[in-house]
Amino acid sequence: MTPELTFTCAATAIWRVTNEQPKPDVSFVPPMERRRLTGVERAALSVAWQVRPQDGEEIPVVFASRWGEIGVTAKLMQQFHADGEMSPAGFSASVHNATPGAFSLLTKNHAPYTAIAARARSLEAGLLESFALRRSVLFVYAEEATPSLYQGSFGEEETAHAVALRLVPAGEADVGTSWRVALRADDAVAPLRFEAFESFLTGRQEQVLSSSFTLTRG
């Protein structure tokens, strides 16, 4: 029997660098904490805050990013090369789970969180991890702009972007349209890119929020 996972999307939020909004809105973060946020944390928190449960419900978080805190890491490596040492505070901000940790502290969310990195498939791997929990979950995917140190080495350069979804198991919300989506683990299939995901959500915002999604193995 083909395994199936069915869920609904209760809320979505997307941010990417534009002329109208060059920086993510993190005005809800206290000023002293806001000063210490990294680029990835700012992007991720800006969208996660918009889709968090409004009733104070504690919810598991799945955070996915291909490069994570690559900007902080690059600065630490340059610092170590120049000075032979690196900032302990900077190191604590460079780990891949720093972002979901910041969200948990900000919202006093004691539910578990997971940090996913799966190279070019990080967006898909994060979604799959979220679906597999079979419970309400906050999924966040974020990348910062390609650091100048790596421009020319990472292939196509990226601008900063982030997306957040609050997913709930089917049956916890009234739904209209049903979507069937095949999960494929075929290396010949191109990875899901943020641009395609953004286009899908932006063009179907109302429909997505009133639909159920059943995922099957492709």
C-alpha atoms as a PDB file:
ATOM      1  CA  MET A   1       0.000   0.000   0.000  1.00  0.00           C
ATOM      2  CA  THR A   2       1.294   3.462  -0.867  1.00  0.00           C
ATOM      3  CA  PRO A   3       1.827   5.495   2.341  1.00  0.00           C
ATOM      4  CA  GLU A   4      -0.159   8.717   2.459  1.00  0.00           C
ATOM      5  CA  LEU A   5       0.131  11.819   4.600  1.00  0.00           C
ATOM      6  CA  THR A   6      -2.767  14.285   4.605  1.00  0.00           C
ATOM      7  CA  PHE A   7      -2.611  17.778   6.083  1.00  0.00           C
ATOM      8  CA  THR A   8      -3.993  21.286   5.702  1.00  0.00           C
ATOM      9  CA  CYS A   9      -2.113  24.576   5.531  1.00  0.00           C
ATOM     10  CA  ALA A  10      -3.451  26.950   8.194  1.00  0.00           C
ATOM     11  CA  ALA A  11      -1.190  29.924   7.413  1.00  0.00           C
ATOM     12  CA  THR A  12       1.595  30.949   5.046  1.00  0.00           C
ATOM     13  CA  ALA A  13       4.102  33.808   4.875  1.00  0.00           C
ATOM     14  CA  ILE A  14       6.790  34.636   2.323  1.00  0.00           C
ATOM     15  CA  TRP A  15       9.577  37.209   2.292  1.00  0.00           C
ATOM     16  CA  ARG A  16      12.326  37.954  -0.171  1.00  0.00           C
ATOM     17  CA  VAL A  17      14.454  40.993  -0.899  1.00  0.00           C
ATOM     18  CA  THR A  18      12.636  43.554  -3.028  1.00  0.00           C
ATOM     19  CA  ASN A  19      13.014  47.273  -3.634  1.00  0.00           C
ATOM     20  CA  GLU A  20       9.859  47.830  -1.586  1.00  0.00           C
ATOM     21  CA  GLN A  21      10.978  45.578   1.289  1.00  0.00           C
ATOM     22  CA  PRO A  22      14.782  45.257   1.287  1.00  0.00           C
ATOM     23  CA  LYS A  23      14.843  44.036   4.894  1.00  0.00           C
ATOM     24  CA  PRO A  24      12.574  41.607   6.767  1.00  0.00           C
ATOM     25  CA  ASP A  25      10.307  43.091   9.424  1.00  0.00           C
ATOM     26  CA  VAL A  26      11.499  42.054  12.884  1.00  0.00           C
ATOM     27  CA  SER A  27      10.091  45.045  14.747  1.00  0.00           C
ATOM     28  CA  PHE A  28       8.339  42.627  17.129  1.00  0.00           C
ATOM     29  CA  VAL A  29      11.710  41.511  18.539  1.00  0.00           C
ATOM     30  CA  PRO A  30      12.905  43.517  21.578  1.00  0.00           C
ATOM     31  CA  PRO A  31      15.612  46.038  20.525  1.00  0.00           C
ATOM     32  CA  MET A  32      18.470  44.478  22.539  1.00  0.00           C
ATOM     33  CA  GLU A  33      17.781  41.048  21.047  1.00  0.00           C
ATOM     34  CA  ARG A  34      17.134  42.462  17.579  1.00  0.00           C
ATOM     35  CA  ARG A  35      20.660  43.896  17.420  1.00  0.00           C
ATOM     36  CA  ARG A  36      22.151  40.427  17.774  1.00  0.00           C
ATOM     37  CA  LEU A  37      20.074  38.726  15.074  1.00  0.00           C
ATOM     38  CA  THR A  38      21.856  37.306  12.032  1.00  0.00           C
ATOM     39  CA  GLY A  39      20.554  37.689   8.494  1.00  0.00           C
ATOM     40  CA  VAL A  40      19.081  34.188   8.468  1.00  0.00           C
ATOM     41  CA  GLU A  41      17.413  34.711  11.838  1.00  0.00           C
ATOM     42  CA  ARG A  42      15.846  37.978  10.687  1.00  0.00           C
ATOM     43  CA  ALA A  43      14.454  36.406   7.508  1.00  0.00           C
ATOM     44  CA  ALA A  44      13.168  33.291   9.271  1.00  0.00           C
ATOM     45  CA  LEU A  45      11.681  35.071  12.289  1.00  0.00           C
ATOM     46  CA  SER A  46       9.879  37.587  10.080  1.00  0.00           C
ATOM     47  CA  VAL A  47       7.833  34.841   8.408  1.00  0.00           C
ATOM     48  CA  ALA A  48       7.578  32.464  11.379  1.00  0.00           C
ATOM     49  CA  TRP A  49       6.088  35.240  13.523  1.00  0.00           C
ATOM     50  CA  GLN A  50       3.293  35.759  10.990  1.00  0.00           C
ATOM     51  CA  VAL A  51       2.141  32.127  11.006  1.00  0.00           C
ATOM     52  CA  ARG A  52       2.679  31.230  14.669  1.00  0.00           C
ATOM     53  CA  PRO A  53      -0.405  30.064  16.600  1.00  0.00           C
ATOM     54  CA  GLN A  54      -2.191  33.108  17.999  1.00  0.00           C
ATOM     55  CA  ASP A  55      -3.528  31.284  21.056  1.00  0.00           C
ATOM     56  CA  GLY A  56      -0.128  30.629  22.602  1.00  0.00           C
ATOM     57  CA  GLU A  57      -0.136  26.966  21.559  1.00  0.00           C
ATOM     58  CA  GLU A  58       3.326  25.439  21.742  1.00  0.00           C
ATOM     59  CA  ILE A  59       4.139  23.917  18.373  1.00  0.00           C
ATOM     60  CA  PRO A  60       7.067  21.872  17.017  1.00  0.00           C
ATOM     61  CA  VAL A  61       9.284  23.732  14.554  1.00  0.00           C
ATOM     62  CA  VAL A  62      11.103  22.328  11.531  1.00  0.00           C
ATOM     63  CA  PHE A  63      13.719  24.711  10.161  1.00  0.00           C
ATOM     64  CA  ALA A  64      15.430  23.986   6.837  1.00  0.00           C
ATOM     65  CA  SER A  65      18.268  25.802   5.101  1.00  0.00           C
ATOM     66  CA  ARG A  66      20.879  24.671   2.630  1.00  0.00           C
ATOM     67  CA  TRP A  67      23.637  26.976   3.865  1.00  0.00           C
ATOM     68  CA  GLY A  68      22.300  28.097   7.241  1.00  0.00           C
ATOM     69  CA  GLU A  69      24.478  30.725   8.921  1.00  0.00           C
ATOM     70  CA  ILE A  70      26.974  30.804   6.062  1.00  0.00           C
ATOM     71  CA  GLY A  71      27.597  34.542   6.482  1.00  0.00           C
ATOM     72  CA  VAL A  72      28.522  34.170  10.150  1.00  0.00           C
ATOM     73  CA  THR A  73      30.644  31.112   9.375  1.00  0.00           C
ATOM     74  CA  ALA A  74      32.552  32.951   6.646  1.00  0.00           C
ATOM     75  CA  LYS A  75      33.332  35.820   9.045  1.00  0.00           C
ATOM     76  CA  LEU A  76      34.527  33.367  11.707  1.00  0.00           C
ATOM     77  CA  MET A  77      36.861  31.633   9.258  1.00  0.00           C
ATOM     78  CA  GLN A  78      38.300  34.957   8.117  1.00  0.00           C
ATOM     79  CA  GLN A  79      38.727  35.998  11.758  1.00  0.00           C
ATOM     80  CA  PHE A  80      40.512  32.762  12.613  1.00  0.00           C
ATOM     81  CA  HIS A  81      42.781  33.096   9.580  1.00  0.00           C
ATOM     82  CA  ALA A  82      43.688  36.674  10.532  1.00  0.00           C
ATOM     83  CA  ASP A  83      43.845  36.430  14.343  1.00  0.00           C
ATOM     84  CA  GLY A  84      44.240  32.727  15.108  1.00  0.00           C
ATOM     85  CA  GLU A  85      41.053  32.751  17.173  1.00  0.00           C
ATOM     86  CA  MET A  86      37.349  33.338  16.761  1.00  0.00           C
ATOM     87  CA  SER A  87      34.516  34.879  18.748  1.00  0.00           C
ATOM     88  CA  PRO A  88      32.697  32.398  21.054  1.00  0.00           C
ATOM     89  CA  ALA A  89      29.546  34.492  20.670  1.00  0.00           C
ATOM     90  CA  GLY A  90      29.915  34.367  16.905  1.00  0.00           C
ATOM     91  CA  PHE A  91      30.360  30.604  17.018  1.00  0.00           C
ATOM     92  CA  SER A  92      27.157  30.145  19.012  1.00  0.00           C
ATOM     93  CA  ALA A  93      25.313  32.027  16.274  1.00  0.00           C
ATOM     94  CA  SER A  94      26.846  29.944  13.484  1.00  0.00           C
ATOM     95  CA  VAL A  95      25.264  26.578  14.286  1.00  0.00           C
ATOM     96  CA  HIS A  96      22.428  25.337  12.096  1.00  0.00           C
ATOM     97  CA  ASN A  97      19.851  25.240  14.888  1.00  0.00           C
ATOM     98  CA  ALA A  98      20.482  28.818  16.056  1.00  0.00           C
ATOM     99  CA  THR A  99      17.431  30.104  14.176  1.00  0.00           C
ATOM    100  CA  PRO A 100      14.766  27.745  15.586  1.00  0.00           C
ATOM    101  CA  GLY A 101      16.371  28.252  18.975  1.00  0.00           C
ATOM    102  CA  ALA A 102      15.914  32.014  18.639  1.00  0.00           C
ATOM    103  CA  PHE A 103      12.253  31.499  17.721  1.00  0.00           C
ATOM    104  CA  SER A 104      11.708  29.233  20.737  1.00  0.00           C
ATOM    105  CA  LEU A 105      13.207  31.807  23.095  1.00  0.00           C
ATOM    106  CA  LEU A 106      11.263  34.666  21.550  1.00  0.00           C
ATOM    107  CA  THR A 107       7.892  32.880  21.737  1.00  0.00           C
ATOM    108  CA  LYS A 108       8.617  30.836  24.891  1.00  0.00           C
ATOM    109  CA  ASN A 109       7.849  27.759  22.818  1.00  0.00           C
ATOM    110  CA  HIS A 110       8.971  24.611  24.672  1.00  0.00           C
ATOM    111  CA  ALA A 111       8.015  22.203  21.876  1.00  0.00           C
ATOM    112  CA  PRO A 112      10.894  20.406  20.119  1.00  0.00           C
ATOM    113  CA  TYR A 113      12.540  21.787  17.018  1.00  0.00           C
ATOM    114  CA  THR A 114      14.552  20.214  14.211  1.00  0.00           C
ATOM    115  CA  ALA A 115      17.135  21.780  11.895  1.00  0.00           C
ATOM    116  CA  ILE A 116      17.472  20.261   8.421  1.00  0.00           C
ATOM    117  CA  ALA A 117      20.261  20.657   5.843  1.00  0.00           C
ATOM    118  CA  ALA A 118      20.102  18.469   2.729  1.00  0.00           C
ATOM    119  CA  ARG A 119      22.091  20.425   0.160  1.00  0.00           C
ATOM    120  CA  ALA A 120      19.977  21.335  -2.869  1.00  0.00           C
ATOM    121  CA  ARG A 121      17.063  19.279  -1.499  1.00  0.00           C
ATOM    122  CA  SER A 122      16.827  21.131   1.818  1.00  0.00           C
ATOM    123  CA  LEU A 123      13.422  22.671   1.053  1.00  0.00           C
ATOM    124  CA  GLU A 124      11.946  19.292   0.142  1.00  0.00           C
ATOM    125  CA  ALA A 125      13.607  17.497   3.059  1.00  0.00           C
ATOM    126  CA  GLY A 126      12.243  20.067   5.496  1.00  0.00           C
ATOM    127  CA  LEU A 127       8.726  19.710   4.119  1.00  0.00           C
ATOM    128  CA  LEU A 128       8.917  15.923   4.301  1.00  0.00           C
ATOM    129  CA  GLU A 129      10.134  16.066   7.901  1.00  0.00           C
ATOM    130  CA  SER A 130       7.207  18.357   8.730  1.00  0.00           C
ATOM    131  CA  PHE A 131       4.620  16.122   7.067  1.00  0.00           C
ATOM    132  CA  ALA A 132       6.029  12.996   8.705  1.00  0.00           C
ATOM    133  CA  LEU A 133       5.392  14.409  12.200  1.00  0.00           C
ATOM    134  CA  ARG A 134       1.656  13.917  11.579  1.00  0.00           C
ATOM    135  CA  ARG A 135       0.804  16.745  13.978  1.00  0.00           C
ATOM    136  CA  SER A 136       0.566  20.516  13.931  1.00  0.00           C
ATOM    137  CA  VAL A 137       3.971  21.930  12.990  1.00  0.00           C
ATOM    138  CA  LEU A 138       5.601  25.188  11.956  1.00  0.00           C
ATOM    139  CA  PHE A 139       7.840  24.772   8.909  1.00  0.00           C
ATOM    140  CA  VAL A 140      10.371  27.499   8.093  1.00  0.00           C
ATOM    141  CA  TYR A 141      12.841  27.644   5.223  1.00  0.00           C
ATOM    142  CA  ALA A 142      15.332  30.513   4.955  1.00  0.00           C
ATOM    143  CA  GLU A 143      18.523  31.482   3.154  1.00  0.00           C
ATOM    144  CA  GLU A 144      20.607  34.638   3.270  1.00  0.00           C
ATOM    145  CA  ALA A 145      22.240  36.330   0.312  1.00  0.00           C
ATOM    146  CA  THR A 146      25.335  34.556  -1.004  1.00  0.00           C
ATOM    147  CA  PRO A 147      28.347  35.968   0.914  1.00  0.00           C
ATOM    148  CA  SER A 148      30.897  37.776  -1.264  1.00  0.00           C
ATOM    149  CA  LEU A 149      33.526  35.227  -0.191  1.00  0.00           C
ATOM    150  CA  TYR A 150      31.615  32.489  -2.017  1.00  0.00           C
ATOM    151  CA  GLN A 151      30.354  34.382  -5.038  1.00  0.00           C
ATOM    152  CA  GLY A 152      31.589  32.541  -8.093  1.00  0.00           C
ATOM    153  CA  SER A 153      31.927  29.282  -6.154  1.00  0.00           C
ATOM    154  CA  PHE A 154      28.305  28.517  -5.275  1.00  0.00           C
ATOM    155  CA  GLY A 155      27.003  28.593  -8.827  1.00  0.00           C
ATOM    156  CA  GLU A 156      23.944  30.809  -9.101  1.00  0.00           C
ATOM    157  CA  GLU A 157      23.988  33.570  -6.498  1.00  0.00           C
ATOM    158  CA  GLU A 158      20.972  33.901  -4.214  1.00  0.00           C
ATOM    159  CA  THR A 159      19.211  36.835  -2.645  1.00  0.00           C
ATOM    160  CA  ALA A 160      17.856  36.502   0.897  1.00  0.00           C
ATOM    161  CA  HIS A 161      14.471  34.775   1.162  1.00  0.00           C
ATOM    162  CA  ALA A 162      12.242  32.862   3.584  1.00  0.00           C
ATOM    163  CA  VAL A 163       8.935  31.029   3.724  1.00  0.00           C
ATOM    164  CA  ALA A 164       6.891  29.693   6.653  1.00  0.00           C
ATOM    165  CA  LEU A 165       3.905  27.349   6.739  1.00  0.00           C
ATOM    166  CA  ARG A 166       1.778  26.267   9.675  1.00  0.00           C
ATOM    167  CA  LEU A 167       0.580  22.751   8.910  1.00  0.00           C
ATOM    168  CA  VAL A 168      -2.139  20.830  10.730  1.00  0.00           C
ATOM    169  CA  PRO A 169      -3.306  17.239  10.272  1.00  0.00           C
ATOM    170  CA  ALA A 170      -6.327  16.812   8.040  1.00  0.00           C
ATOM    171  CA  GLY A 171      -9.555  16.836  10.008  1.00  0.00           C
ATOM    172  CA  GLU A 172      -8.572  19.766  12.230  1.00  0.00           C
ATOM    173  CA  ALA A 173      -9.822  22.324   9.715  1.00  0.00           C
ATOM    174  CA  ASP A 174     -12.631  22.654   7.182  1.00  0.00           C
ATOM    175  CA  VAL A 175     -11.257  22.120   3.684  1.00  0.00           C
ATOM    176  CA  GLY A 176     -12.499  22.537   0.152  1.00  0.00           C
ATOM    177  CA  THR A 177     -10.175  21.537  -2.674  1.00  0.00           C
ATOM    178  CA  SER A 178      -8.005  18.440  -2.249  1.00  0.00           C
ATOM    179  CA  TRP A 179      -4.540  18.250  -3.759  1.00  0.00           C
ATOM    180  CA  ARG A 180      -2.511  15.093  -4.323  1.00  0.00           C
ATOM    181  CA  VAL A 181       1.226  15.638  -4.387  1.00  0.00           C
ATOM    182  CA  ALA A 182       3.782  12.943  -5.174  1.00  0.00           C
ATOM    183  CA  LEU A 183       6.975  12.818  -3.126  1.00  0.00           C
ATOM    184  CA  ARG A 184       9.824  11.645  -5.306  1.00  0.00           C
ATOM    185  CA  ALA A 185      13.330  10.675  -4.265  1.00  0.00           C
ATOM    186  CA  ASP A 186      14.718  10.491  -7.778  1.00  0.00           C
ATOM    187  CA  ASP A 187      18.037  12.270  -8.272  1.00  0.00           C
ATOM    188  CA  ALA A 188      17.133  12.782 -11.925  1.00  0.00           C
ATOM    189  CA  VAL A 189      14.299  15.088 -10.884  1.00  0.00           C
ATOM    190  CA  ALA A 190      15.430  18.691 -10.387  1.00  0.00           C
ATOM    191  CA  PRO A 191      15.297  19.912  -6.752  1.00  0.00           C
ATOM    192  CA  LEU A 192      12.383  22.112  -5.762  1.00  0.00           C
ATOM    193  CA  ARG A 193      13.563  25.711  -5.932  1.00  0.00           C
ATOM    194  CA  PHE A 194      12.308  28.484  -3.691  1.00  0.00           C
ATOM    195  CA  GLU A 195      11.203  30.512  -6.725  1.00  0.00           C
ATOM    196  CA  ALA A 196       8.847  27.739  -7.826  1.00  0.00           C
ATOM    197  CA  PHE A 197       7.495  27.275  -4.312  1.00  0.00           C
ATOM    198  CA  GLU A 198       6.990  31.022  -3.916  1.00  0.00           C
ATOM    199  CA  SER A 199       5.171  31.211  -7.248  1.00  0.00           C
ATOM    200  CA  PHE A 200       2.864  28.348  -6.283  1.00  0.00           C
ATOM    201  CA  LEU A 201       1.929  29.842  -2.921  1.00  0.00           C
ATOM    202  CA  THR A 202       1.600  33.412  -4.156  1.00  0.00           C
ATOM    203  CA  GLY A 203      -0.645  32.485  -7.036  1.00  0.00           C
ATOM    204  CA  ARG A 204      -2.917  30.251  -4.951  1.00  0.00           C
ATOM    205  CA  GLN A 205      -2.892  31.835  -1.504  1.00  0.00           C
ATOM    206  CA  GLU A 206      -6.622  31.605  -0.760  1.00  0.00           C
ATOM    207  CA  GLN A 207      -6.952  28.204  -2.387  1.00  0.00           C
ATOM    208  CA  VAL A 208      -4.014  26.772  -0.449  1.00  0.00           C
ATOM    209  CA  LEU A 209      -5.504  27.921   2.860  1.00  0.00           C
ATOM    210  CA  SER A 210      -8.810  26.191   2.141  1.00  0.00           C
ATOM    211  CA  SER A 211      -7.423  22.917   0.801  1.00  0.00           C
ATOM    212  CA  SER A 212      -6.113  19.592   2.016  1.00  0.00           C
ATOM    213  CA  PHE A 213      -2.933  18.021   0.688  1.00  0.00           C
ATOM    214  CA  THR A 214      -2.375  14.282   0.473  1.00  0.00           C
ATOM    215  CA  LEU A 215       1.203  13.268  -0.176  1.00  0.00           C
ATOM    216  CA  THR A 216       2.053   9.931  -1.720  1.00  0.00           C
ATOM    217  CA  ARG A 217       5.347   8.323  -2.656  1.00  0.00           C
ATOM    218  CA  GLY A 218       6.057   9.035  -6.346  1.00  0.00           C
END
